[in-house]
N, C-alpha and C. Protein backbone atom coordinates (compact mmCIF):
# COMPACT_ATOMS: atom_id res chain seq x y z
N MET A 1 47.60 -16.27 16.70
CA MET A 1 47.40 -14.97 16.69
C MET A 1 49.00 -14.64 17.55
N VAL A 2 49.93 -13.65 17.89
CA VAL A 2 51.08 -13.61 18.89
C VAL A 2 50.52 -12.86 19.91
N GLU A 3 50.38 -13.17 20.94
CA GLU A 3 49.98 -12.36 22.35
C GLU A 3 51.39 -11.78 23.14
N TYR A 4 51.30 -10.44 22.87
CA TYR A 4 52.95 -10.01 23.71
C TYR A 4 52.65 -10.12 25.23
N ARG A 5 53.83 -10.42 25.75
CA ARG A 5 53.77 -10.11 27.29
C ARG A 5 55.03 -8.97 27.69
N ILE A 6 55.11 -8.37 28.26
CA ILE A 6 55.51 -7.08 28.66
C ILE A 6 55.89 -7.41 30.15
N ASP A 7 57.52 -7.77 29.54
CA ASP A 7 58.56 -7.77 31.27
C ASP A 7 58.88 -6.42 30.88
N ARG A 8 59.00 -5.48 32.51
CA ARG A 8 59.59 -4.40 32.79
C ARG A 8 60.40 -4.41 33.73
N ARG A 9 60.44 -5.64 33.95
CA ARG A 9 61.81 -5.52 35.23
C ARG A 9 63.41 -5.98 34.40
N THR A 10 63.62 -6.50 32.72
CA THR A 10 64.17 -7.23 32.15
C THR A 10 65.54 -5.73 31.66
N GLY A 11 64.72 -4.60 32.09
CA GLY A 11 65.62 -3.54 31.73
C GLY A 11 65.55 -3.65 29.85
N VAL A 12 65.05 -4.43 29.13
CA VAL A 12 64.66 -4.31 27.76
C VAL A 12 63.50 -3.53 26.97
N ALA A 13 64.08 -2.41 26.57
CA ALA A 13 62.91 -1.30 25.66
C ALA A 13 61.71 -1.92 25.49
N THR A 14 61.10 -2.25 26.00
CA THR A 14 59.14 -2.49 25.73
C THR A 14 58.98 -2.98 24.17
N TYR A 15 59.82 -1.94 23.14
CA TYR A 15 59.26 -2.07 21.88
C TYR A 15 60.03 -3.40 20.93
N LEU A 16 61.21 -2.87 22.21
CA LEU A 16 62.22 -4.57 21.97
C LEU A 16 62.12 -5.61 21.83
N GLN A 17 60.95 -5.57 23.21
CA GLN A 17 60.33 -6.95 23.62
C GLN A 17 59.48 -7.23 22.34
N ILE A 18 58.74 -6.42 21.74
CA ILE A 18 57.54 -6.54 21.11
C ILE A 18 58.35 -6.99 19.50
N VAL A 19 59.24 -6.50 19.22
CA VAL A 19 59.79 -6.90 18.02
C VAL A 19 60.62 -8.14 18.44
N GLN A 20 61.76 -8.52 19.09
CA GLN A 20 61.91 -9.92 19.98
C GLN A 20 60.68 -11.00 19.68
N GLN A 21 59.45 -10.99 20.39
CA GLN A 21 58.75 -11.60 20.78
C GLN A 21 58.10 -12.13 19.24
N THR A 22 57.78 -10.91 18.27
CA THR A 22 57.71 -11.13 17.29
C THR A 22 58.52 -12.19 16.00
N LYS A 23 59.54 -12.35 16.06
CA LYS A 23 60.72 -12.67 16.17
C LYS A 23 60.92 -14.35 15.88
N GLN A 24 60.40 -14.75 17.82
CA GLN A 24 60.60 -15.77 18.15
C GLN A 24 59.08 -16.28 17.31
N ALA A 25 57.92 -15.99 17.20
CA ALA A 25 56.57 -16.30 17.16
C ALA A 25 57.19 -16.14 15.50
N LEU A 26 58.04 -15.63 14.75
CA LEU A 26 57.96 -16.17 13.39
C LEU A 26 59.05 -17.74 13.45
N ARG A 27 60.18 -17.52 14.09
CA ARG A 27 61.01 -18.55 13.95
C ARG A 27 60.42 -20.35 14.71
N LEU A 28 59.23 -19.74 15.45
CA LEU A 28 58.83 -21.29 15.73
C LEU A 28 57.37 -21.40 14.93
N GLY A 29 57.06 -20.52 13.48
CA GLY A 29 56.36 -21.22 12.67
C GLY A 29 54.86 -20.85 13.17
N LEU A 30 54.69 -19.83 14.62
CA LEU A 30 53.62 -19.33 15.45
C LEU A 30 53.12 -18.06 14.36
N LEU A 31 53.71 -17.85 13.60
CA LEU A 31 53.59 -16.57 12.90
C LEU A 31 54.23 -16.90 10.92
N GLU A 32 52.90 -16.87 10.03
CA GLU A 32 53.75 -17.13 9.03
C GLU A 32 53.45 -15.88 8.33
N PRO A 33 53.68 -15.66 6.47
CA PRO A 33 53.90 -15.19 5.93
C PRO A 33 51.84 -14.84 5.43
N GLY A 34 51.59 -13.44 5.87
CA GLY A 34 49.95 -13.67 5.46
C GLY A 34 49.25 -13.09 6.30
N ASP A 35 50.28 -14.10 7.76
CA ASP A 35 49.22 -13.49 8.73
C ASP A 35 48.92 -11.71 9.53
N LYS A 36 48.08 -11.59 10.30
CA LYS A 36 48.22 -10.34 10.63
C LYS A 36 48.32 -10.69 11.91
N LEU A 37 49.54 -9.63 12.32
CA LEU A 37 49.39 -8.90 13.89
C LEU A 37 48.44 -8.15 14.12
N PRO A 38 48.16 -8.34 15.67
CA PRO A 38 47.09 -7.56 16.84
C PRO A 38 47.50 -6.35 16.28
N THR A 39 46.46 -5.22 16.31
CA THR A 39 46.12 -4.04 15.54
C THR A 39 46.78 -3.63 17.25
N ALA A 40 47.41 -2.25 17.41
CA ALA A 40 48.62 -1.47 18.23
C ALA A 40 47.24 -1.22 19.69
N ARG A 41 46.27 -0.62 19.00
CA ARG A 41 44.85 -0.93 19.83
C ARG A 41 44.38 -2.22 21.04
N GLU A 42 45.05 -3.86 20.20
CA GLU A 42 44.90 -4.74 21.26
C GLU A 42 45.77 -5.28 21.90
N VAL A 43 47.00 -4.54 21.38
CA VAL A 43 48.02 -5.04 22.13
C VAL A 43 48.35 -4.40 23.58
N VAL A 44 47.68 -2.48 22.95
CA VAL A 44 47.77 -1.86 24.26
C VAL A 44 46.77 -2.23 25.47
N GLU A 45 45.65 -2.57 24.80
CA GLU A 45 44.33 -3.55 25.90
C GLU A 45 45.28 -4.47 26.91
N ALA A 46 45.93 -5.30 25.78
CA ALA A 46 46.23 -6.11 26.63
C ALA A 46 47.40 -6.15 27.59
N THR A 47 48.25 -5.01 27.05
CA THR A 47 49.74 -5.19 28.10
C THR A 47 49.80 -3.54 28.31
N ALA A 48 48.71 -2.60 28.57
CA ALA A 48 48.81 -1.21 29.34
C ALA A 48 50.04 -0.50 28.67
N ILE A 49 50.89 -1.17 27.73
CA ILE A 49 51.76 0.51 27.26
C ILE A 49 51.05 1.00 25.94
N ASN A 50 51.86 2.11 25.58
CA ASN A 50 51.72 3.18 25.06
C ASN A 50 51.69 2.87 23.48
N PRO A 51 50.12 3.00 22.93
CA PRO A 51 50.15 3.01 21.97
C PRO A 51 51.78 2.82 20.64
N ASN A 52 52.01 4.48 21.24
CA ASN A 52 52.96 4.91 20.19
C ASN A 52 54.72 3.75 20.59
N THR A 53 54.94 2.76 20.98
CA THR A 53 55.27 2.16 21.59
C THR A 53 54.90 0.58 20.61
N VAL A 54 53.90 0.35 20.59
CA VAL A 54 53.31 -0.83 19.96
C VAL A 54 53.98 0.22 17.93
N LEU A 55 53.62 0.73 17.88
CA LEU A 55 53.74 1.47 16.35
C LEU A 55 55.32 1.45 16.11
N LYS A 56 56.07 1.72 17.00
CA LYS A 56 57.65 1.87 16.78
C LYS A 56 58.18 0.87 16.91
N ALA A 57 57.15 -0.87 17.20
CA ALA A 57 57.76 -2.16 17.28
C ALA A 57 57.92 -2.59 15.93
N TYR A 58 56.70 -1.92 15.52
CA TYR A 58 55.57 -2.76 14.10
C TYR A 58 56.67 -1.64 12.85
N ARG A 59 57.18 -0.84 13.03
CA ARG A 59 58.10 -0.05 12.08
C ARG A 59 59.14 -0.68 12.16
N GLU A 60 60.14 -0.73 12.92
CA GLU A 60 61.08 -1.66 13.27
C GLU A 60 61.02 -2.89 12.21
N LEU A 61 59.76 -3.94 12.58
CA LEU A 61 59.49 -4.90 12.05
C LEU A 61 59.65 -4.84 10.61
N GLU A 62 59.12 -4.02 10.07
CA GLU A 62 58.83 -3.01 8.53
C GLU A 62 60.02 -3.40 8.18
N ARG A 63 61.50 -2.42 8.74
CA ARG A 63 62.52 -1.68 8.20
C ARG A 63 63.11 -3.13 8.15
N GLU A 64 62.99 -3.91 9.17
CA GLU A 64 63.90 -5.25 8.64
C GLU A 64 63.07 -5.90 7.72
N GLY A 65 62.14 -5.63 7.03
CA GLY A 65 62.00 -6.31 5.80
C GLY A 65 60.41 -7.77 6.51
N LEU A 66 59.89 -7.87 7.76
CA LEU A 66 59.58 -9.20 7.84
C LEU A 66 58.20 -8.56 8.04
N VAL A 67 57.15 -7.77 8.21
CA VAL A 67 55.94 -7.35 8.12
C VAL A 67 56.27 -6.07 6.88
N GLU A 68 54.31 -5.42 7.20
CA GLU A 68 53.94 -4.80 5.96
C GLU A 68 52.74 -4.46 6.56
N ALA A 69 52.63 -2.82 6.61
CA ALA A 69 51.57 -2.03 7.07
C ALA A 69 51.33 -2.17 5.76
N ARG A 70 49.30 -2.34 5.65
CA ARG A 70 48.74 -2.21 5.07
C ARG A 70 47.53 -0.92 5.42
N ARG A 71 47.11 0.22 4.62
CA ARG A 71 47.07 1.22 5.10
C ARG A 71 45.43 0.21 5.21
N GLY A 72 44.74 1.19 6.52
CA GLY A 72 43.32 0.83 6.60
C GLY A 72 42.63 -0.83 7.00
N LEU A 73 44.19 -1.54 6.98
CA LEU A 73 44.03 -3.22 6.68
C LEU A 73 44.72 -3.69 7.90
N GLY A 74 45.42 -3.34 8.45
CA GLY A 74 46.66 -3.50 9.42
C GLY A 74 48.07 -3.99 8.96
N THR A 75 48.45 -4.79 9.92
CA THR A 75 50.15 -4.80 9.39
C THR A 75 50.16 -6.74 9.33
N PHE A 76 50.67 -7.03 8.05
CA PHE A 76 50.75 -8.77 7.90
C PHE A 76 52.38 -9.14 8.04
N VAL A 77 52.34 -10.13 8.04
CA VAL A 77 53.98 -10.71 8.18
C VAL A 77 54.15 -10.56 7.22
N ARG A 78 55.43 -10.43 6.41
CA ARG A 78 56.16 -10.70 4.72
C ARG A 78 56.65 -11.57 4.58
N LYS A 79 57.37 -12.36 5.72
CA LYS A 79 58.40 -13.87 5.84
C LYS A 79 58.66 -14.22 7.19
N SER A 80 58.95 -15.41 7.42
CA SER A 80 59.87 -16.50 8.13
C SER A 80 60.72 -16.05 8.30
N LEU A 81 61.28 -16.81 9.76
CA LEU A 81 62.23 -16.77 9.93
C LEU A 81 62.91 -18.42 10.67
N GLY A 82 64.01 -18.64 10.38
CA GLY A 82 64.41 -19.86 10.63
C GLY A 82 63.56 -20.85 10.31
N ALA A 83 63.98 -22.09 11.02
CA ALA A 83 62.92 -23.49 10.96
C ALA A 83 62.86 -24.24 12.69
N ALA A 84 62.61 -23.36 12.68
CA ALA A 84 62.45 -24.33 14.78
C ALA A 84 60.67 -24.64 14.58
N PRO A 85 59.98 -25.30 14.05
CA PRO A 85 58.18 -24.94 14.05
C PRO A 85 58.22 -25.58 16.17
N ALA A 86 57.00 -24.52 16.42
CA ALA A 86 56.97 -25.08 18.00
C ALA A 86 56.88 -26.58 18.48
N ASP A 87 56.45 -27.18 17.61
CA ASP A 87 56.35 -28.73 18.07
C ASP A 87 57.23 -29.59 17.94
N SER A 88 58.85 -28.63 17.21
CA SER A 88 59.71 -29.87 17.35
C SER A 88 60.16 -30.33 18.24
N PRO A 89 60.92 -31.73 18.58
CA PRO A 89 60.83 -32.86 19.56
C PRO A 89 62.23 -31.98 20.28
N PHE A 90 62.91 -31.09 19.73
CA PHE A 90 64.23 -30.26 20.09
C PHE A 90 62.97 -29.40 21.27
N GLY A 91 61.98 -28.79 21.38
CA GLY A 91 60.98 -27.80 22.07
C GLY A 91 60.90 -28.75 23.22
N ALA A 92 60.88 -30.04 23.31
CA ALA A 92 60.30 -31.45 24.31
C ALA A 92 61.44 -31.24 25.16
N GLU A 93 62.61 -31.98 24.29
CA GLU A 93 63.88 -31.99 25.07
C GLU A 93 63.92 -30.61 26.38
N LEU A 94 64.16 -29.90 25.17
CA LEU A 94 64.78 -28.41 25.97
C LEU A 94 63.42 -28.29 27.81
N ALA A 95 62.43 -28.78 27.11
CA ALA A 95 61.21 -28.20 28.51
C ALA A 95 61.78 -29.36 29.10
N ASP A 96 62.08 -30.90 29.26
CA ASP A 96 62.69 -31.74 29.96
C ASP A 96 63.93 -30.95 30.84
N TRP A 97 64.74 -30.69 30.24
CA TRP A 97 66.04 -30.41 30.92
C TRP A 97 65.36 -28.59 31.78
N ALA A 98 64.78 -28.07 30.92
CA ALA A 98 64.46 -26.61 32.01
C ALA A 98 63.54 -27.45 33.80
N ASP A 99 62.84 -28.64 32.84
CA ASP A 99 62.03 -29.30 34.03
C ASP A 99 63.38 -29.30 35.30
N ARG A 100 63.77 -30.05 34.87
CA ARG A 100 65.24 -31.06 35.66
C ARG A 100 66.46 -29.53 36.23
N ALA A 101 66.41 -28.56 35.54
CA ALA A 101 67.06 -27.52 36.14
C ALA A 101 66.27 -27.08 37.34
N ARG A 102 65.23 -26.86 36.95
CA ARG A 102 64.90 -25.76 38.13
C ARG A 102 64.74 -26.60 38.78
N ALA A 103 64.41 -28.15 39.12
CA ALA A 103 64.36 -28.93 40.22
C ALA A 103 65.51 -29.02 41.19
N ALA A 104 67.21 -28.63 40.38
CA ALA A 104 68.05 -28.80 40.80
C ALA A 104 68.27 -27.52 41.19
N GLY A 105 67.50 -26.65 41.54
CA GLY A 105 67.08 -25.02 42.62
C GLY A 105 67.56 -23.96 41.41
N LEU A 106 68.00 -24.10 40.40
CA LEU A 106 68.40 -23.25 39.07
C LEU A 106 67.22 -22.08 39.20
N GLU A 107 67.69 -21.17 39.50
CA GLU A 107 66.53 -19.90 38.83
C GLU A 107 66.56 -19.77 37.33
N ARG A 108 65.18 -18.63 36.62
CA ARG A 108 65.54 -18.67 35.36
C ARG A 108 66.78 -17.46 34.94
N ASP A 109 67.17 -16.89 36.15
CA ASP A 109 68.62 -15.92 35.62
C ASP A 109 69.51 -17.31 34.82
N ASP A 110 69.93 -18.32 36.23
CA ASP A 110 70.71 -19.06 36.14
C ASP A 110 70.55 -20.53 35.05
N VAL A 111 69.18 -20.26 34.83
CA VAL A 111 69.32 -21.51 33.39
C VAL A 111 69.36 -20.57 32.21
N ALA A 112 69.17 -19.38 32.19
CA ALA A 112 69.33 -18.50 30.81
C ALA A 112 70.98 -18.21 30.76
N ALA A 113 71.24 -17.94 31.73
CA ALA A 113 73.17 -17.70 31.52
C ALA A 113 73.29 -19.09 31.25
N LEU A 114 73.46 -19.96 31.30
CA LEU A 114 73.64 -21.35 30.85
C LEU A 114 73.20 -21.95 29.70
N PHE A 115 72.01 -21.17 29.17
CA PHE A 115 72.45 -21.61 27.38
C PHE A 115 72.69 -21.09 26.94
N THR A 116 72.90 -19.74 27.48
CA THR A 116 73.50 -18.49 26.48
C THR A 116 74.91 -19.12 26.35
N SER A 117 75.56 -19.45 27.41
CA SER A 117 76.85 -20.01 27.59
C SER A 117 76.72 -21.06 26.59
N VAL A 118 75.85 -22.17 26.56
CA VAL A 118 76.18 -22.88 25.37
C VAL A 118 75.71 -22.64 23.96
N LEU A 119 75.00 -21.95 24.01
CA LEU A 119 74.84 -21.15 22.63
C LEU A 119 76.29 -21.10 22.22
N ASP A 120 76.48 -20.13 22.98
CA ASP A 120 77.69 -19.49 22.34
C ASP A 120 79.18 -20.29 22.30
N THR A 121 78.79 -20.99 22.60
CA THR A 121 80.07 -22.37 22.41
C THR A 121 79.87 -22.94 21.39
N HIS A 122 78.54 -23.61 21.18
CA HIS A 122 78.24 -24.20 20.24
C HIS A 122 77.75 -23.87 19.05
N PHE A 123 77.79 -22.50 18.71
CA PHE A 123 77.41 -21.25 17.45
C PHE A 123 78.15 -20.42 17.50
N ALA A 124 79.34 -20.53 18.16
CA ALA A 124 80.81 -19.64 18.24
C ALA A 124 81.27 -19.34 17.07
N ASP A 125 80.71 -20.13 15.85
CA ASP A 125 81.57 -19.84 14.21
C ASP A 125 80.00 -18.59 13.68
N THR A 126 79.00 -18.84 14.30
CA THR A 126 78.29 -17.88 13.87
C THR A 126 77.11 -17.10 14.59
N HIS A 127 77.78 -16.68 15.83
CA HIS A 127 77.44 -15.60 16.75
C HIS A 127 76.85 -14.21 16.03
N PHE A 128 78.53 -13.73 15.23
CA PHE A 128 78.27 -12.62 15.12
C PHE A 128 78.00 -12.60 13.45
N LYS A 129 77.38 -13.52 13.42
CA LYS A 129 76.53 -13.05 11.69
C LYS A 129 74.97 -13.05 11.51
N GLY A 130 74.57 -12.91 11.12
CA GLY A 130 73.11 -13.04 10.54
C GLY A 130 72.59 -12.09 11.80
N ASP A 131 71.26 -12.44 11.99
CA ASP A 131 70.28 -11.30 12.95
C ASP A 131 70.75 -11.53 14.16
N GLN A 132 70.96 -10.86 14.89
CA GLN A 132 71.05 -11.26 16.29
C GLN A 132 69.62 -11.01 17.40
N GLY A 133 68.66 -10.77 16.55
CA GLY A 133 67.40 -10.65 17.56
C GLY A 133 66.60 -11.95 17.89
C-alpha cells in the first residue's frame, strides 16, 4: 500500500502531490492493478489533510483511467504505468549518485534541478509527449 507524504513547502497543490505519488508508485510497481488505495479516512489520519482533497485526487486518478471507485469497497488500481520496478539496478545507481552529490555539498533542490536538466536533454524528443505526471 502507498503511504502519502505531503510537503506543504513545495507550492504544489496537496491533491496533485497525491496524484503524483500514486503515479510514481504505479511506475515503480509498488501499486499494481487490483490493489486498493488507502481510504480517504486513512490518508487524512496519516497526513492531516482535508478529506475532500483526497477525494479530489482520487477523482483525478479515476478521470485518467488509472483507478476506479467501487461503491462501498474503496478505490482500486485499474492499470499500471511505466516499467521501472522499485528494485531496478538503476535505482541503486541513482541512490549512489545522490549520495555522491550530497557529499559534494549539493542541496536537494540542486540535485533535482541537475537531474531534471539531464532528463530534459536525454529525453528531449519525448519531453512533451504522453503523461506529464
